[in-house]
Amino acid sequence: MRFIALFFTLFVSLHATMTLYEKGQELYFQKGCNGCHGIKAGGMTTYPALANRAKGFLTYKLKQFRDKISQNQQQKMMIPFATGLRDKEIDALTTFLSDFVDTQEEQYDSSYETWGDGGS
């Protein structure tokens, strides 16, 4: 029982010490935003880039979507994702997106050679 209480206390304290940026980053992946806007928030196909956009603009748009207001058919897709967002979550998401810093390492080995024995 003590272990559970200790674990809960540790979890709450770690979660409480997260910065607004980190909370926004966590929410971005938790809510599935990366599925359409990309893991670096740079946009994919017809979905817009969100990284480093103005915080006020992002806040305005998310609150509009939360209130079920959209300007076109494509934007209507955002309404189900935004309807459950609270103001604190919108603040965290927009902080993450407006202050976005790419910290991911390159996933490809640039020294990889395509020629050779072909692995046969």
C-alpha atoms as a PDB file:
ATOM      1  CA  MET A   1       0.000   0.000   0.000  1.00  0.00           C
ATOM      2  CA  ARG A   2       2.858   2.374   0.769  1.00  0.00           C
ATOM      3  CA  PHE A   3       4.319   1.647  -2.642  1.00  0.00           C
ATOM      4  CA  ILE A   4       1.104   2.704  -4.371  1.00  0.00           C
ATOM      5  CA  ALA A   5       0.907   5.912  -2.326  1.00  0.00           C
ATOM      6  CA  LEU A   6       4.570   6.678  -3.099  1.00  0.00           C
ATOM      7  CA  PHE A   7       4.063   5.988  -6.794  1.00  0.00           C
ATOM      8  CA  PHE A   8       0.970   8.208  -6.919  1.00  0.00           C
ATOM      9  CA  THR A   9       2.767  11.048  -5.113  1.00  0.00           C
ATOM     10  CA  LEU A  10       5.756  10.763  -7.433  1.00  0.00           C
ATOM     11  CA  PHE A  11       3.511  10.727 -10.518  1.00  0.00           C
ATOM     12  CA  VAL A  12       1.565  13.790  -9.374  1.00  0.00           C
ATOM     13  CA  SER A  13       4.715  15.717  -8.500  1.00  0.00           C
ATOM     14  CA  LEU A  14       6.370  14.892 -11.835  1.00  0.00           C
ATOM     15  CA  HIS A  15       3.263  15.837 -13.740  1.00  0.00           C
ATOM     16  CA  ALA A  16       2.957  19.073 -11.785  1.00  0.00           C
ATOM     17  CA  THR A  17       6.548  20.088 -12.561  1.00  0.00           C
ATOM     18  CA  MET A  18       6.082  19.801 -16.311  1.00  0.00           C
ATOM     19  CA  THR A  19       6.342  23.114 -18.115  1.00  0.00           C
ATOM     20  CA  LEU A  20       3.459  24.424 -20.178  1.00  0.00           C
ATOM     21  CA  TYR A  21       5.492  23.602 -23.300  1.00  0.00           C
ATOM     22  CA  GLU A  22       5.965  19.976 -22.181  1.00  0.00           C
ATOM     23  CA  LYS A  23       2.282  19.610 -21.328  1.00  0.00           C
ATOM     24  CA  GLY A  24       1.417  20.919 -24.778  1.00  0.00           C
ATOM     25  CA  GLN A  25       3.836  18.502 -26.396  1.00  0.00           C
ATOM     26  CA  GLU A  26       2.299  15.617 -24.483  1.00  0.00           C
ATOM     27  CA  LEU A  27      -1.212  16.703 -25.465  1.00  0.00           C
ATOM     28  CA  TYR A  28      -0.216  17.100 -29.119  1.00  0.00           C
ATOM     29  CA  PHE A  29       0.668  13.408 -29.345  1.00  0.00           C
ATOM     30  CA  GLN A  30      -2.006  12.231 -26.908  1.00  0.00           C
ATOM     31  CA  LYS A  31      -4.817  13.867 -28.885  1.00  0.00           C
ATOM     32  CA  GLY A  32      -3.457  12.549 -32.192  1.00  0.00           C
ATOM     33  CA  CYS A  33      -2.626  15.921 -33.738  1.00  0.00           C
ATOM     34  CA  ASN A  34       0.523  14.400 -35.210  1.00  0.00           C
ATOM     35  CA  GLY A  35      -1.597  12.086 -37.362  1.00  0.00           C
ATOM     36  CA  CYS A  36      -2.527  14.934 -39.719  1.00  0.00           C
ATOM     37  CA  HIS A  37      -0.120  17.752 -38.892  1.00  0.00           C
ATOM     38  CA  GLY A  38       3.019  15.595 -38.589  1.00  0.00           C
ATOM     39  CA  ILE A  39       5.357  14.730 -35.755  1.00  0.00           C
ATOM     40  CA  LYS A  40       7.177  18.028 -36.261  1.00  0.00           C
ATOM     41  CA  ALA A  41       3.897  19.979 -36.713  1.00  0.00           C
ATOM     42  CA  GLY A  42       5.059  20.901 -40.194  1.00  0.00           C
ATOM     43  CA  GLY A  43       1.837  19.872 -41.907  1.00  0.00           C
ATOM     44  CA  MET A  44       1.133  16.924 -44.169  1.00  0.00           C
ATOM     45  CA  THR A  45      -0.520  16.916 -47.601  1.00  0.00           C
ATOM     46  CA  THR A  46      -3.496  19.287 -47.264  1.00  0.00           C
ATOM     47  CA  TYR A  47      -3.186  19.740 -43.494  1.00  0.00           C
ATOM     48  CA  PRO A  48      -1.535  23.026 -42.471  1.00  0.00           C
ATOM     49  CA  ALA A  49       1.747  23.484 -40.674  1.00  0.00           C
ATOM     50  CA  LEU A  50       1.222  24.541 -37.062  1.00  0.00           C
ATOM     51  CA  ALA A  51       4.790  24.877 -35.810  1.00  0.00           C
ATOM     52  CA  ASN A  52       5.850  28.411 -34.923  1.00  0.00           C
ATOM     53  CA  ARG A  53       2.476  29.983 -35.781  1.00  0.00           C
ATOM     54  CA  ALA A  54       1.259  32.906 -33.683  1.00  0.00           C
ATOM     55  CA  LYS A  55      -0.131  31.792 -30.321  1.00  0.00           C
ATOM     56  CA  GLY A  56      -3.101  34.149 -30.575  1.00  0.00           C
ATOM     57  CA  PHE A  57      -4.099  32.777 -33.977  1.00  0.00           C
ATOM     58  CA  LEU A  58      -3.828  29.160 -32.817  1.00  0.00           C
ATOM     59  CA  THR A  59      -5.828  29.907 -29.670  1.00  0.00           C
ATOM     60  CA  TYR A  60      -8.524  31.662 -31.681  1.00  0.00           C
ATOM     61  CA  LYS A  61      -8.827  28.763 -34.146  1.00  0.00           C
ATOM     62  CA  LEU A  62      -8.954  26.053 -31.463  1.00  0.00           C
ATOM     63  CA  LYS A  63     -11.617  27.942 -29.518  1.00  0.00           C
ATOM     64  CA  GLN A  64     -13.620  28.383 -32.723  1.00  0.00           C
ATOM     65  CA  PHE A  65     -13.413  24.656 -33.408  1.00  0.00           C
ATOM     66  CA  ARG A  66     -14.347  23.903 -29.803  1.00  0.00           C
ATOM     67  CA  ASP A  67     -17.447  26.064 -30.274  1.00  0.00           C
ATOM     68  CA  LYS A  68     -18.203  24.074 -33.469  1.00  0.00           C
ATOM     69  CA  ILE A  69     -17.432  26.970 -35.802  1.00  0.00           C
ATOM     70  CA  SER A  70     -15.503  26.383 -39.020  1.00  0.00           C
ATOM     71  CA  GLN A  71     -15.047  28.304 -42.255  1.00  0.00           C
ATOM     72  CA  ASN A  72     -14.967  25.344 -44.654  1.00  0.00           C
ATOM     73  CA  GLN A  73     -15.495  21.610 -44.997  1.00  0.00           C
ATOM     74  CA  GLN A  74     -11.870  20.685 -44.281  1.00  0.00           C
ATOM     75  CA  GLN A  75     -11.870  22.665 -41.030  1.00  0.00           C
ATOM     76  CA  LYS A  76     -14.957  20.776 -39.855  1.00  0.00           C
ATOM     77  CA  MET A  77     -12.704  17.769 -39.326  1.00  0.00           C
ATOM     78  CA  MET A  78     -11.107  19.627 -36.403  1.00  0.00           C
ATOM     79  CA  ILE A  79     -14.349  20.032 -34.444  1.00  0.00           C
ATOM     80  CA  PRO A  80     -14.402  16.533 -32.861  1.00  0.00           C
ATOM     81  CA  PHE A  81     -10.775  16.932 -31.791  1.00  0.00           C
ATOM     82  CA  ALA A  82     -11.323  20.342 -30.194  1.00  0.00           C
ATOM     83  CA  THR A  83     -14.733  19.964 -28.532  1.00  0.00           C
ATOM     84  CA  GLY A  84     -13.345  18.375 -25.364  1.00  0.00           C
ATOM     85  CA  LEU A  85     -10.432  20.784 -24.903  1.00  0.00           C
ATOM     86  CA  ARG A  86     -10.360  22.987 -21.814  1.00  0.00           C
ATOM     87  CA  ASP A  87      -8.801  26.453 -21.808  1.00  0.00           C
ATOM     88  CA  LYS A  88      -5.706  25.167 -19.977  1.00  0.00           C
ATOM     89  CA  GLU A  89      -5.201  22.465 -22.597  1.00  0.00           C
ATOM     90  CA  ILE A  90      -5.584  24.978 -25.420  1.00  0.00           C
ATOM     91  CA  ASP A  91      -3.036  27.212 -23.683  1.00  0.00           C
ATOM     92  CA  ALA A  92      -0.583  24.316 -23.392  1.00  0.00           C
ATOM     93  CA  LEU A  93      -1.084  23.176 -26.999  1.00  0.00           C
ATOM     94  CA  THR A  94      -0.682  26.660 -28.423  1.00  0.00           C
ATOM     95  CA  THR A  95       2.402  27.292 -26.288  1.00  0.00           C
ATOM     96  CA  PHE A  96       3.973  24.102 -27.627  1.00  0.00           C
ATOM     97  CA  LEU A  97       3.094  24.913 -31.222  1.00  0.00           C
ATOM     98  CA  SER A  98       4.033  28.600 -31.175  1.00  0.00           C
ATOM     99  CA  ASP A  99       7.366  27.946 -29.432  1.00  0.00           C
ATOM    100  CA  PHE A 100       8.053  24.673 -31.295  1.00  0.00           C
ATOM    101  CA  VAL A 101      11.680  23.557 -31.302  1.00  0.00           C
ATOM    102  CA  ASP A 102      12.706  20.490 -33.294  1.00  0.00           C
ATOM    103  CA  THR A 103      14.708  18.285 -30.920  1.00  0.00           C
ATOM    104  CA  GLN A 104      14.440  15.048 -32.890  1.00  0.00           C
ATOM    105  CA  GLU A 105      17.579  13.523 -34.252  1.00  0.00           C
ATOM    106  CA  GLU A 106      17.888  12.624 -37.906  1.00  0.00           C
ATOM    107  CA  GLN A 107      16.403   9.178 -38.450  1.00  0.00           C
ATOM    108  CA  TYR A 108      18.494   8.262 -41.466  1.00  0.00           C
ATOM    109  CA  ASP A 109      22.143   7.338 -41.653  1.00  0.00           C
ATOM    110  CA  SER A 110      23.652   9.719 -44.201  1.00  0.00           C
ATOM    111  CA  SER A 111      26.683   7.459 -44.595  1.00  0.00           C
ATOM    112  CA  TYR A 112      24.522   4.560 -45.804  1.00  0.00           C
ATOM    113  CA  GLU A 113      25.655   3.270 -49.192  1.00  0.00           C
ATOM    114  CA  THR A 114      23.146   1.716 -51.588  1.00  0.00           C
ATOM    115  CA  TRP A 115      25.778  -0.020 -53.675  1.00  0.00           C
ATOM    116  CA  GLY A 116      27.653  -3.124 -52.685  1.00  0.00           C
ATOM    117  CA  ASP A 117      27.025  -6.833 -52.675  1.00  0.00           C
ATOM    118  CA  GLY A 118      23.264  -6.348 -52.388  1.00  0.00           C
ATOM    119  CA  GLY A 119      23.059  -8.592 -49.360  1.00  0.00           C
ATOM    120  CA  SER A 120      22.719 -11.733 -51.455  1.00  0.00           C
END
